[in-house]
Amino acid sequence: MGCASSSPGKAARLPPPGGGGGGSTQQTDEDGYNPLTQEEIHSRIQCSERALLFPLGKTGVTLRYAYLSQRGYYPDDLYKANQDAFKIVERFNGRDDQIFLGVFDGHGSDGHSCSYFVRDSIEAELKRQMAKYPNDFERAYRLAFETVNLRMHDQYFDDSMSGTTAITAFFTGTTFTVANIGDSRAMVGEKKGKRVIAYSLSIDQTPYRADERERVKAAGAVVMSCDQLEGVVPYHENWGVSLGEELDNGGDPPRVWAPGKSFPGCAFTRSIGDSVAESIGVYSEPELLRKELADGDQFLVLASDGVWEFLTNQSVADIITKFDDPLDGCRAVVAESYRLWLQYEVRTDDITMILAFVDRANGQSGREQPRSGSLSTLRHGSPDQMSAGLGVVGRAGGENRPVRRALSKEKKSQMSISSTSAEAEDLSDWVMETIPKTRAELARIKGAVKTNFLFQHLNEAQQQLVFDVMKRVEVSRGDVVIRQGDPGDWFYVVDSGEFSVWMSQNGKEHQILRYA
């Protein structure tokens, strides 16, 4: 039996994208900074050494796959464990045509323990359930996750406010079944003319979904954003969105709360673990979707939300189509996800993906099937729940809405201007000294802040008011601009030169950012 899975402490070293060896030279680009050297980035990566091949029995179809997981960068916790995990089991149950692929994204203080537990338990549990229900794979698949969830509650670690998502695919020949719990995601790229179109194989289980929102409310949950919970904005349920047509830049998503409490605050509606939230409907029952590989299907992606946070399904498909090697495709998607995290954040999430290209002998594959109506749902629930999801799964483009977990209250409090109020707010009564600037100076300032989230919610007039009061300050090498703990009365834009940011933690200083 072939098996690959994530394991802390092991990492395959990759050369940087574009070739060349790793080193200590820091990379930066015009869109932001990179606080880690290439060597530091490589030390956070665990990946396959090369593309791996798994023929799906005698079907004439081979999966050519690779995996890559990059530990997140948290400046206030530089050694935080990678809470993502993955599992790949070739020849499942000894069968030449069966393979299991899975990605698990932990959350909470014990999230790594939760994801590792599912990674290490799901194979044996699924085998037990398949032996118990040999003629009902869907039931066995579902019960495997639910049983692992129950077992997790009795482990040495605390899953009361921690848990993990799960996105898995189980192949038997050219038929595979996706199981989804939470907001990790699966999608397939299908050749349509000259372009590869992304089709969703899972629907993010978040309170944005009306069916999931009503389900947890029926179980006793309250669904509100953080601002609604604290009375900053009036209560509403206007969460209806066209999934995937745009990224969620609002930053204050609906969450699941216990009645009258300020916990658990889950931005998802299903999870393995999270025993406190389980009592209000956040449970571990997966949604299942079965599909036969079609002739046009080019590749399958399973990934944690570290990938989907700033990329739509179609964006990921467009990146992958530039590569023939699945490992190169993984590297490119993860690198772009990492870049976007640092463009909009001061940290990055853990980022994990499995990419499997579909190779066919003599150009043949499983039977051809039309895309429209071709996806068979095996979700357990009422007919209304089942039909609610069918309108989304299988649609082209970036069908699912990324959850901006980190772009909520913290950034809003720093901005003092939300995306909904910026246009209406009058800043004309500011009383500050106006510093004259040339057109060239204004152009430099605008270029320096164009990707900064603090300025993205300001209209042109508001931006001009801010630019008018900014002043140029020359500093010398070694000068301290601001110290940790000082009042943060100023917003600094570095025009040229080099600067470093150091943080004092447990009596030691750590360099968390360097920009040249």
Protein backbone atom coordinates (compact mmCIF):
# COMPACT_ATOMS: atom_id res chain seq x y z
CA MET A 1 0.00 0.00 0.00
CA GLY A 2 1.37 3.40 -0.95
CA CYS A 3 0.76 6.16 1.54
CA ALA A 4 1.76 9.79 1.84
CA SER A 5 0.78 12.05 4.69
CA SER A 6 1.92 15.19 6.42
CA SER A 7 4.30 14.80 9.32
CA PRO A 8 5.83 17.61 11.40
CA GLY A 9 9.55 18.03 10.96
CA LYS A 10 9.86 16.59 7.46
CA ALA A 11 10.13 18.85 4.44
CA ALA A 12 11.23 18.43 0.86
CA ARG A 13 13.31 21.43 -0.11
CA LEU A 14 12.26 23.32 -3.22
CA PRO A 15 14.21 25.74 -5.37
CA PRO A 16 12.54 29.12 -5.64
CA PRO A 17 10.01 29.56 -8.46
CA GLY A 18 11.79 30.38 -11.69
CA GLY A 19 14.82 28.21 -10.98
CA GLY A 20 17.97 28.70 -9.01
CA GLY A 21 19.04 27.49 -5.63
CA GLY A 22 17.72 28.61 -2.29
CA GLY A 23 19.57 31.17 -0.26
CA SER A 24 19.26 33.89 2.29
CA THR A 25 18.45 36.67 -0.16
CA GLN A 26 15.07 38.13 0.63
CA GLN A 27 12.61 38.54 -2.22
CA THR A 28 10.33 41.53 -2.49
CA ASP A 29 7.99 42.74 -5.20
CA GLU A 30 6.08 45.85 -6.08
CA ASP A 31 2.95 44.62 -4.34
CA GLY A 32 4.41 44.16 -0.86
CA TYR A 33 7.10 42.63 1.29
CA ASN A 34 8.38 39.18 2.05
CA PRO A 35 9.43 38.85 5.70
CA LEU A 36 11.03 35.44 5.12
CA THR A 37 14.12 34.50 3.17
CA GLN A 38 13.87 31.77 0.56
CA GLU A 39 15.64 29.41 2.95
CA GLU A 40 13.10 30.21 5.67
CA ILE A 41 10.22 29.65 3.28
CA HIS A 42 11.66 26.30 2.18
CA SER A 43 12.02 25.20 5.79
CA ARG A 44 8.26 25.66 6.19
CA ILE A 45 7.40 23.49 3.19
CA GLN A 46 6.57 19.81 3.08
CA CYS A 47 5.93 18.42 -0.38
CA SER A 48 6.33 15.45 -2.67
CA GLU A 49 9.79 15.16 -4.18
CA ARG A 50 8.34 14.65 -7.65
CA ALA A 51 5.08 13.92 -9.42
CA LEU A 52 3.62 10.58 -8.35
CA LEU A 53 1.66 8.20 -10.60
CA PHE A 54 -1.34 6.07 -9.69
CA PRO A 55 -3.13 4.12 -12.46
CA LEU A 56 -6.84 3.75 -11.67
CA GLY A 57 -6.86 -0.02 -12.17
CA LYS A 58 -7.49 -1.07 -15.76
CA THR A 59 -9.45 2.02 -16.76
CA GLY A 60 -6.62 3.49 -18.82
CA VAL A 61 -6.67 6.60 -16.61
CA THR A 62 -3.74 7.58 -14.40
CA LEU A 63 -3.65 10.23 -11.71
CA ARG A 64 -0.37 12.17 -11.83
CA TYR A 65 -0.35 14.02 -8.55
CA ALA A 66 1.69 16.06 -6.10
CA TYR A 67 1.14 17.70 -2.74
CA LEU A 68 2.56 20.73 -0.98
CA SER A 69 1.96 22.23 2.46
CA GLN A 70 3.52 25.51 3.62
CA ARG A 71 3.42 26.43 7.30
CA GLY A 72 1.96 29.86 7.94
CA TYR A 73 3.88 32.95 8.98
CA TYR A 74 2.64 34.51 12.24
CA PRO A 75 4.89 37.39 13.43
CA ASP A 76 3.60 37.07 17.00
CA ASP A 77 4.11 33.29 17.05
CA LEU A 78 7.02 32.48 14.76
CA TYR A 79 7.10 28.78 15.69
CA LYS A 80 3.38 28.07 15.49
CA ALA A 81 2.75 24.54 14.26
CA ASN A 82 1.33 23.92 10.82
CA GLN A 83 -2.33 23.21 11.58
CA ASP A 84 -2.92 21.81 8.09
CA ALA A 85 -2.51 18.09 7.45
CA PHE A 86 -3.03 15.82 4.46
CA LYS A 87 -3.35 12.12 3.70
CA ILE A 88 -2.92 10.13 0.51
CA VAL A 89 -3.45 6.36 0.49
CA GLU A 90 -2.81 4.47 -2.73
CA ARG A 91 -4.30 0.98 -3.26
CA PHE A 92 -6.83 1.55 -0.49
CA ASN A 93 -7.85 -1.80 1.00
CA GLY A 94 -5.34 -3.41 -1.35
CA ARG A 95 -7.31 -2.56 -4.48
CA ASP A 96 -5.43 -1.38 -7.56
CA ASP A 97 -8.20 1.02 -8.57
CA GLN A 98 -8.75 2.80 -5.23
CA ILE A 99 -7.00 5.87 -3.85
CA PHE A 100 -7.88 8.24 -1.00
CA LEU A 101 -6.85 11.92 -1.02
CA GLY A 102 -7.54 14.34 1.83
CA VAL A 103 -6.68 17.77 3.25
CA PHE A 104 -7.49 18.78 6.82
CA ASP A 105 -7.30 22.38 8.11
CA GLY A 106 -7.15 22.72 11.89
CA HIS A 107 -8.30 25.77 13.83
CA GLY A 108 -8.20 26.88 17.45
CA SER A 109 -5.46 26.48 20.03
CA ASP A 110 -5.39 22.69 19.55
CA GLY A 111 -6.19 22.79 15.86
CA HIS A 112 -2.98 21.01 14.87
CA SER A 113 -3.83 18.12 17.19
CA CYS A 114 -7.31 17.92 15.67
CA SER A 115 -6.14 17.84 12.05
CA TYR A 116 -3.33 15.38 12.84
CA PHE A 117 -5.80 13.12 14.65
CA VAL A 118 -8.13 12.95 11.66
CA ARG A 119 -5.19 12.40 9.31
CA ASP A 120 -3.95 9.49 11.42
CA SER A 121 -7.39 7.96 12.11
CA ILE A 122 -9.50 8.27 8.99
CA GLU A 123 -7.93 5.42 6.98
CA ALA A 124 -8.50 2.72 9.59
CA GLU A 125 -11.96 4.04 10.46
CA LEU A 126 -13.07 4.16 6.83
CA LYS A 127 -11.87 0.58 6.34
CA ARG A 128 -13.91 -0.50 9.37
CA GLN A 129 -17.03 1.21 8.11
CA MET A 130 -16.59 -0.18 4.58
CA ALA A 131 -16.31 -3.70 6.03
CA LYS A 132 -19.47 -3.06 8.07
CA TYR A 133 -21.42 -1.66 5.11
CA PRO A 134 -19.87 -3.35 2.04
CA ASN A 135 -22.78 -2.38 -0.24
CA ASP A 136 -23.27 1.17 0.97
CA PHE A 137 -20.09 3.18 0.49
CA GLU A 138 -21.77 6.54 1.02
CA ARG A 139 -23.00 5.47 4.46
CA ALA A 140 -19.57 4.11 5.37
CA TYR A 141 -17.89 7.30 4.15
CA ARG A 142 -20.18 9.52 6.20
CA LEU A 143 -20.00 7.39 9.36
CA ALA A 144 -16.21 7.26 9.21
CA PHE A 145 -15.98 11.02 9.77
CA GLU A 146 -18.73 11.08 12.37
CA THR A 147 -17.05 8.28 14.32
CA VAL A 148 -13.65 9.98 14.19
CA ASN A 149 -15.36 13.10 15.50
CA LEU A 150 -16.77 11.23 18.50
CA ARG A 151 -13.41 9.65 19.22
CA MET A 152 -11.74 13.06 19.08
CA HIS A 153 -13.84 14.25 22.02
CA ASP A 154 -12.10 11.66 24.24
CA GLN A 155 -8.49 12.46 23.30
CA TYR A 156 -5.75 14.03 25.44
CA PHE A 157 -6.07 17.39 23.66
CA ASP A 158 -8.96 19.82 24.06
CA ASP A 159 -11.33 20.04 21.11
CA SER A 160 -13.98 22.09 22.91
CA MET A 161 -13.06 25.20 20.92
CA SER A 162 -10.74 23.60 18.36
CA GLY A 163 -11.37 21.41 15.37
CA THR A 164 -10.59 20.78 11.73
CA THR A 165 -12.17 20.91 8.32
CA ALA A 166 -11.91 17.99 5.90
CA ILE A 167 -12.02 17.84 2.13
CA THR A 168 -11.39 14.36 0.72
CA ALA A 169 -11.83 12.41 -2.52
CA PHE A 170 -12.12 8.62 -2.73
CA PHE A 171 -11.57 7.04 -6.16
CA THR A 172 -12.79 3.65 -7.29
CA GLY A 173 -11.71 3.53 -10.90
CA THR A 174 -12.86 6.70 -12.66
CA THR A 175 -15.71 7.30 -10.20
CA PHE A 176 -14.88 9.35 -7.15
CA THR A 177 -16.78 10.71 -4.16
CA VAL A 178 -15.90 14.00 -2.47
CA ALA A 179 -16.64 14.44 1.24
CA ASN A 180 -16.69 18.01 2.54
CA ILE A 181 -16.77 19.27 6.12
CA GLY A 182 -16.14 22.99 6.59
CA ASP A 183 -14.61 25.50 4.20
CA SER A 184 -11.70 23.73 2.58
CA ARG A 185 -12.53 23.05 -1.03
CA ALA A 186 -12.41 20.70 -4.02
CA MET A 187 -12.68 21.66 -7.67
CA VAL A 188 -12.08 20.16 -11.09
CA GLY A 189 -10.69 21.85 -14.19
CA GLU A 190 -12.47 20.92 -17.42
CA LYS A 191 -11.29 21.68 -20.94
CA LYS A 192 -13.80 23.87 -22.76
CA GLY A 193 -12.51 24.86 -26.18
CA LYS A 194 -9.18 26.58 -25.66
CA ARG A 195 -9.73 27.27 -21.97
CA VAL A 196 -9.89 25.19 -18.82
CA ILE A 197 -12.92 26.10 -16.72
CA ALA A 198 -13.06 25.52 -12.96
CA TYR A 199 -16.07 23.66 -11.55
CA SER A 200 -16.75 23.39 -7.85
CA LEU A 201 -17.00 19.94 -6.27
CA SER A 202 -17.89 21.25 -2.82
CA ILE A 203 -19.84 24.11 -1.29
CA ASP A 204 -18.20 25.97 1.59
CA GLN A 205 -20.25 25.28 4.70
CA THR A 206 -20.49 28.75 6.21
CA PRO A 207 -23.35 30.95 7.49
CA TYR A 208 -23.36 32.69 4.10
CA ARG A 209 -25.34 29.66 2.89
CA ALA A 210 -29.03 30.08 3.65
CA ASP A 211 -29.58 26.35 4.15
CA GLU A 212 -26.67 26.00 6.57
CA ARG A 213 -27.60 29.21 8.37
CA GLU A 214 -31.17 28.04 8.94
CA ARG A 215 -29.98 24.59 10.00
CA VAL A 216 -27.75 25.88 12.82
CA LYS A 217 -30.40 28.40 13.88
CA ALA A 218 -32.87 25.55 14.21
CA ALA A 219 -30.34 23.85 16.50
CA GLY A 220 -30.25 26.93 18.77
CA ALA A 221 -27.43 28.99 17.28
CA VAL A 222 -27.42 32.73 16.75
CA VAL A 223 -25.91 33.92 13.46
CA MET A 224 -24.37 37.39 13.53
CA SER A 225 -21.20 39.15 12.51
CA CYS A 226 -18.82 40.42 15.20
CA ASP A 227 -20.06 43.96 14.71
CA GLN A 228 -23.67 42.83 14.99
CA LEU A 229 -22.87 40.93 18.16
CA GLU A 230 -21.38 44.05 19.75
CA GLY A 231 -24.11 46.35 18.49
CA VAL A 232 -21.84 48.30 16.14
CA VAL A 233 -24.22 47.66 13.23
CA PRO A 234 -27.92 46.72 13.34
CA TYR A 235 -28.90 43.08 13.15
CA HIS A 236 -29.77 41.84 9.68
CA GLU A 237 -29.73 38.64 7.67
CA ASN A 238 -28.81 40.09 4.31
CA TRP A 239 -26.14 37.49 3.72
CA GLY A 240 -27.31 36.43 0.30
CA VAL A 241 -24.43 36.54 -2.20
CA SER A 242 -23.64 35.29 -5.66
CA LEU A 243 -20.97 32.88 -4.59
CA GLY A 244 -17.66 33.40 -6.32
CA GLU A 245 -18.53 36.43 -8.41
CA GLU A 246 -16.31 38.54 -6.19
CA LEU A 247 -13.98 38.11 -3.25
CA ASP A 248 -15.31 38.87 0.22
CA ASN A 249 -13.56 42.12 1.04
CA GLY A 250 -16.11 43.19 3.64
CA GLY A 251 -14.17 41.54 6.41
CA ASP A 252 -16.94 40.85 8.93
CA PRO A 253 -18.54 37.53 7.99
CA PRO A 254 -21.56 35.97 9.70
CA ARG A 255 -20.56 33.65 12.54
CA VAL A 256 -22.19 31.04 14.74
CA TRP A 257 -22.70 31.97 18.42
CA ALA A 258 -24.30 30.36 21.44
CA PRO A 259 -27.41 32.33 22.50
CA GLY A 260 -26.43 35.27 24.72
CA LYS A 261 -22.74 34.33 24.57
CA SER A 262 -19.66 35.69 22.83
CA PHE A 263 -18.47 32.21 21.78
CA PRO A 264 -17.72 30.07 19.83
CA GLY A 265 -17.84 32.53 16.90
CA CYS A 266 -17.35 29.91 14.18
CA ALA A 267 -17.16 31.23 10.60
CA PHE A 268 -18.14 27.73 9.40
CA THR A 269 -21.15 25.52 10.08
CA ARG A 270 -19.57 22.06 10.01
CA SER A 271 -16.39 20.82 11.62
CA ILE A 272 -14.73 17.78 13.15
CA GLY A 273 -14.19 18.59 16.82
CA ASP A 274 -15.52 21.91 18.19
CA SER A 275 -17.55 20.08 20.84
CA VAL A 276 -18.94 23.35 22.26
CA ALA A 277 -20.28 24.41 18.87
CA GLU A 278 -21.60 20.91 18.22
CA SER A 279 -24.48 21.56 20.62
CA ILE A 280 -25.70 24.39 18.38
CA GLY A 281 -25.52 22.57 15.08
CA VAL A 282 -21.85 22.76 14.02
CA TYR A 283 -21.51 19.04 13.42
CA SER A 284 -19.29 16.66 11.51
CA GLU A 285 -21.68 15.14 8.99
CA PRO A 286 -20.06 15.55 5.56
CA GLU A 287 -21.77 16.57 2.36
CA LEU A 288 -21.01 13.98 -0.30
CA LEU A 289 -20.78 14.40 -4.03
CA ARG A 290 -20.14 11.58 -6.51
CA LYS A 291 -18.76 12.14 -9.98
CA GLU A 292 -17.51 10.17 -12.96
CA LEU A 293 -14.41 11.58 -14.64
CA ALA A 294 -15.45 13.14 -17.94
CA ASP A 295 -13.30 13.29 -21.08
CA GLY A 296 -12.66 16.99 -20.62
CA ASP A 297 -11.57 16.79 -16.97
CA GLN A 298 -7.94 17.88 -16.78
CA PHE A 299 -7.14 18.01 -13.06
CA LEU A 300 -8.53 17.79 -9.55
CA VAL A 301 -7.62 20.17 -6.69
CA LEU A 302 -8.11 19.66 -2.96
CA ALA A 303 -6.93 22.57 -0.82
CA SER A 304 -7.27 24.27 2.54
CA ASP A 305 -8.73 27.75 2.74
CA GLY A 306 -5.22 29.19 2.85
CA VAL A 307 -5.41 28.82 -0.94
CA TRP A 308 -8.98 30.08 -1.38
CA GLU A 309 -8.74 33.08 0.95
CA PHE A 310 -7.63 35.39 -1.87
CA LEU A 311 -8.06 33.21 -4.97
CA THR A 312 -11.22 32.06 -6.72
CA ASN A 313 -11.55 28.60 -8.24
CA GLN A 314 -10.99 30.02 -11.72
CA SER A 315 -7.88 31.93 -10.62
CA VAL A 316 -6.39 28.68 -9.35
CA ALA A 317 -7.33 26.86 -12.57
CA ASP A 318 -5.73 29.59 -14.67
CA ILE A 319 -2.47 29.23 -12.74
CA ILE A 320 -2.43 25.44 -12.99
CA THR A 321 -2.99 25.39 -16.76
CA LYS A 322 0.41 27.05 -17.23
CA PHE A 323 2.15 23.92 -15.94
CA ASP A 324 2.45 20.31 -17.01
CA ASP A 325 4.01 19.07 -13.77
CA PRO A 326 1.60 18.93 -10.79
CA LEU A 327 4.37 19.81 -8.34
CA ASP A 328 5.14 22.95 -10.32
CA GLY A 329 1.43 23.74 -10.28
CA CYS A 330 1.31 23.34 -6.50
CA ARG A 331 4.35 25.55 -6.09
CA ALA A 332 2.86 28.30 -8.24
CA VAL A 333 -0.55 28.31 -6.54
CA VAL A 334 0.90 28.24 -3.05
CA ALA A 335 3.43 30.95 -3.91
CA GLU A 336 0.67 33.20 -5.28
CA SER A 337 -1.50 32.54 -2.23
CA TYR A 338 1.44 33.40 0.03
CA ARG A 339 2.10 36.61 -1.91
CA LEU A 340 -1.52 37.72 -1.63
CA TRP A 341 -1.65 36.98 2.08
CA LEU A 342 1.30 39.31 2.63
CA GLN A 343 -0.19 41.92 0.32
CA TYR A 344 -3.33 42.20 2.44
CA GLU A 345 -2.09 40.95 5.82
CA VAL A 346 0.90 40.97 8.14
CA ARG A 347 0.70 37.18 8.38
CA THR A 348 -0.15 34.16 6.27
CA ASP A 349 -2.32 31.15 6.93
CA ASP A 350 -1.09 27.59 6.51
CA ILE A 351 -1.47 26.75 2.82
CA THR A 352 -1.96 23.16 1.63
CA MET A 353 -3.04 21.61 -1.66
CA ILE A 354 -3.13 18.34 -3.55
CA LEU A 355 -3.15 18.59 -7.34
CA ALA A 356 -3.87 15.55 -9.52
CA PHE A 357 -3.63 15.71 -13.31
CA VAL A 358 -5.79 13.22 -15.23
CA ASP A 359 -3.75 11.31 -17.85
CA ARG A 360 -5.52 9.04 -20.33
CA ALA A 361 -4.13 6.17 -22.40
CA ASN A 362 -4.62 6.93 -26.13
CA GLY A 363 -6.68 9.95 -25.19
CA GLN A 364 -9.44 7.83 -23.66
CA SER A 365 -11.03 8.16 -20.20
CA GLY A 366 -14.14 7.22 -18.38
CA ARG A 367 -17.46 7.66 -20.18
CA GLU A 368 -18.35 11.09 -21.50
CA GLN A 369 -21.08 12.90 -19.59
CA PRO A 370 -22.61 16.36 -20.05
CA ARG A 371 -21.60 18.92 -17.43
CA SER A 372 -25.09 20.30 -16.82
CA GLY A 373 -26.84 18.07 -14.31
CA SER A 374 -24.01 15.57 -14.30
CA LEU A 375 -23.11 15.85 -10.63
CA SER A 376 -24.89 13.39 -8.39
CA THR A 377 -25.42 14.61 -4.85
CA LEU A 378 -25.43 12.16 -1.98
CA ARG A 379 -25.98 14.72 0.73
CA HIS A 380 -27.94 13.51 3.72
CA GLY A 381 -30.75 15.85 4.69
CA SER A 382 -34.11 17.13 3.59
CA PRO A 383 -34.95 17.49 -0.12
CA ASP A 384 -34.90 21.27 0.37
CA GLN A 385 -31.36 21.11 1.72
CA MET A 386 -30.31 18.92 -1.17
CA SER A 387 -31.73 21.19 -3.84
CA ALA A 388 -30.23 24.26 -2.18
CA GLY A 389 -26.74 23.02 -2.94
CA LEU A 390 -27.29 21.70 -6.46
CA GLY A 391 -27.60 25.19 -7.85
CA VAL A 392 -24.01 25.95 -6.85
CA VAL A 393 -22.01 22.77 -7.18
CA GLY A 394 -20.81 22.38 -10.73
CA ARG A 395 -21.11 26.01 -11.73
CA ALA A 396 -18.16 27.52 -13.51
CA GLY A 397 -15.81 30.12 -12.11
CA GLY A 398 -15.00 30.97 -8.50
CA GLU A 399 -18.20 29.52 -7.07
CA ASN A 400 -17.40 29.81 -3.40
CA ARG A 401 -16.96 32.91 -1.33
CA PRO A 402 -13.68 33.05 0.62
CA VAL A 403 -14.11 33.81 4.32
CA ARG A 404 -12.10 36.86 5.37
CA ARG A 405 -11.60 35.62 8.92
CA ALA A 406 -8.69 37.98 9.58
CA LEU A 407 -10.01 41.09 7.84
CA SER A 408 -12.70 41.94 10.35
CA LYS A 409 -12.74 43.98 13.54
CA GLU A 410 -9.00 44.42 13.93
CA LYS A 411 -8.59 46.16 10.62
CA LYS A 412 -11.84 48.05 10.88
CA SER A 413 -10.79 49.55 14.18
CA GLN A 414 -7.50 50.64 12.63
CA MET A 415 -9.17 52.11 9.58
CA SER A 416 -12.04 53.79 11.49
CA ILE A 417 -13.80 53.74 8.15
CA SER A 418 -15.65 50.65 6.98
CA SER A 419 -16.31 49.73 3.41
CA THR A 420 -19.97 50.67 3.83
CA SER A 421 -19.46 54.03 5.52
CA ALA A 422 -16.43 55.43 3.69
CA GLU A 423 -18.42 57.09 0.95
CA ALA A 424 -20.73 58.83 3.40
CA GLU A 425 -18.21 59.98 5.99
CA ASP A 426 -17.21 63.65 5.82
CA LEU A 427 -13.55 64.25 6.57
CA SER A 428 -13.59 67.90 5.61
CA ASP A 429 -13.51 69.08 9.23
CA TRP A 430 -10.01 67.72 9.80
CA VAL A 431 -7.82 70.42 11.29
CA MET A 432 -4.26 69.53 10.36
CA GLU A 433 -1.44 71.32 8.63
CA THR A 434 -1.43 70.86 4.86
CA ILE A 435 1.99 70.13 3.41
CA PRO A 436 2.35 71.24 -0.24
CA LYS A 437 3.49 68.49 -2.61
CA THR A 438 4.48 68.28 -6.22
CA ARG A 439 2.70 65.99 -8.65
CA ALA A 440 5.70 63.69 -8.62
CA GLU A 441 5.60 63.44 -4.81
CA LEU A 442 1.87 62.66 -4.84
CA ALA A 443 2.44 60.01 -7.49
CA ARG A 444 5.11 58.37 -5.32
CA ILE A 445 2.81 58.33 -2.29
CA LYS A 446 -0.10 56.89 -4.27
CA GLY A 447 2.14 54.20 -5.68
CA ALA A 448 3.42 53.30 -2.23
CA VAL A 449 -0.05 52.84 -0.68
CA LYS A 450 -2.01 51.46 -3.64
CA THR A 451 -2.18 47.92 -2.20
CA ASN A 452 -2.51 48.87 1.47
CA PHE A 453 -5.83 47.84 2.99
CA LEU A 454 -6.06 51.09 5.02
CA PHE A 455 -6.49 53.08 1.81
CA GLN A 456 -8.65 50.69 -0.20
CA HIS A 457 -11.90 51.88 1.42
CA LEU A 458 -11.23 55.60 0.91
CA ASN A 459 -12.66 57.46 -2.04
CA GLU A 460 -10.48 59.80 -4.09
CA ALA A 461 -11.38 62.90 -2.07
CA GLN A 462 -10.68 61.17 1.24
CA GLN A 463 -7.35 59.89 -0.03
CA GLN A 464 -6.38 63.41 -1.07
CA LEU A 465 -7.13 64.72 2.44
CA VAL A 466 -4.79 62.10 3.88
CA PHE A 467 -2.06 62.79 1.32
CA ASP A 468 -2.28 66.54 1.98
CA VAL A 469 -1.26 66.20 5.63
CA MET A 470 1.54 63.72 5.09
CA LYS A 471 5.03 65.11 5.44
CA ARG A 472 8.47 63.89 4.42
CA VAL A 473 10.88 62.98 7.21
CA GLU A 474 14.52 62.05 6.59
CA VAL A 475 16.00 59.40 8.90
CA SER A 476 19.54 58.11 9.17
CA ARG A 477 20.81 54.55 9.36
CA GLY A 478 20.25 53.22 12.87
CA ASP A 479 17.53 55.73 13.80
CA VAL A 480 14.57 54.31 15.73
CA VAL A 481 11.32 55.58 14.21
CA ILE A 482 8.93 54.08 16.77
CA ARG A 483 9.35 51.69 19.69
CA GLN A 484 7.15 48.81 20.71
CA GLY A 485 4.52 50.12 23.10
CA ASP A 486 4.71 53.77 21.96
CA PRO A 487 1.43 55.49 21.02
CA GLY A 488 0.72 54.81 17.37
CA ASP A 489 -0.22 58.32 16.30
CA TRP A 490 1.31 58.21 12.85
CA PHE A 491 1.01 56.16 9.69
CA TYR A 492 4.41 55.60 8.09
CA VAL A 493 5.09 55.12 4.37
CA VAL A 494 8.68 54.18 3.53
CA ASP A 495 9.67 55.91 0.32
CA SER A 496 13.18 54.51 -0.08
CA GLY A 497 15.93 52.77 1.87
CA GLU A 498 15.80 49.85 4.26
CA PHE A 499 13.96 49.23 7.52
CA SER A 500 13.49 46.37 9.97
CA VAL A 501 10.83 45.60 12.55
CA TRP A 502 11.79 43.86 15.77
CA MET A 503 9.45 42.46 18.40
CA SER A 504 10.28 41.79 22.04
CA GLN A 505 8.83 38.52 23.26
CA ASN A 506 9.71 36.62 26.44
CA GLY A 507 12.71 38.87 27.01
CA LYS A 508 14.15 38.24 23.55
CA GLU A 509 14.02 40.33 20.41
CA HIS A 510 12.94 38.76 17.12
CA GLN A 511 13.19 40.36 13.71
CA ILE A 512 9.75 39.90 12.17
CA LEU A 513 10.07 42.05 9.05
CA ARG A 514 12.83 43.39 6.84
CA TYR A 515 12.21 45.55 3.81
CA ALA A 516 14.75 46.78 1.31
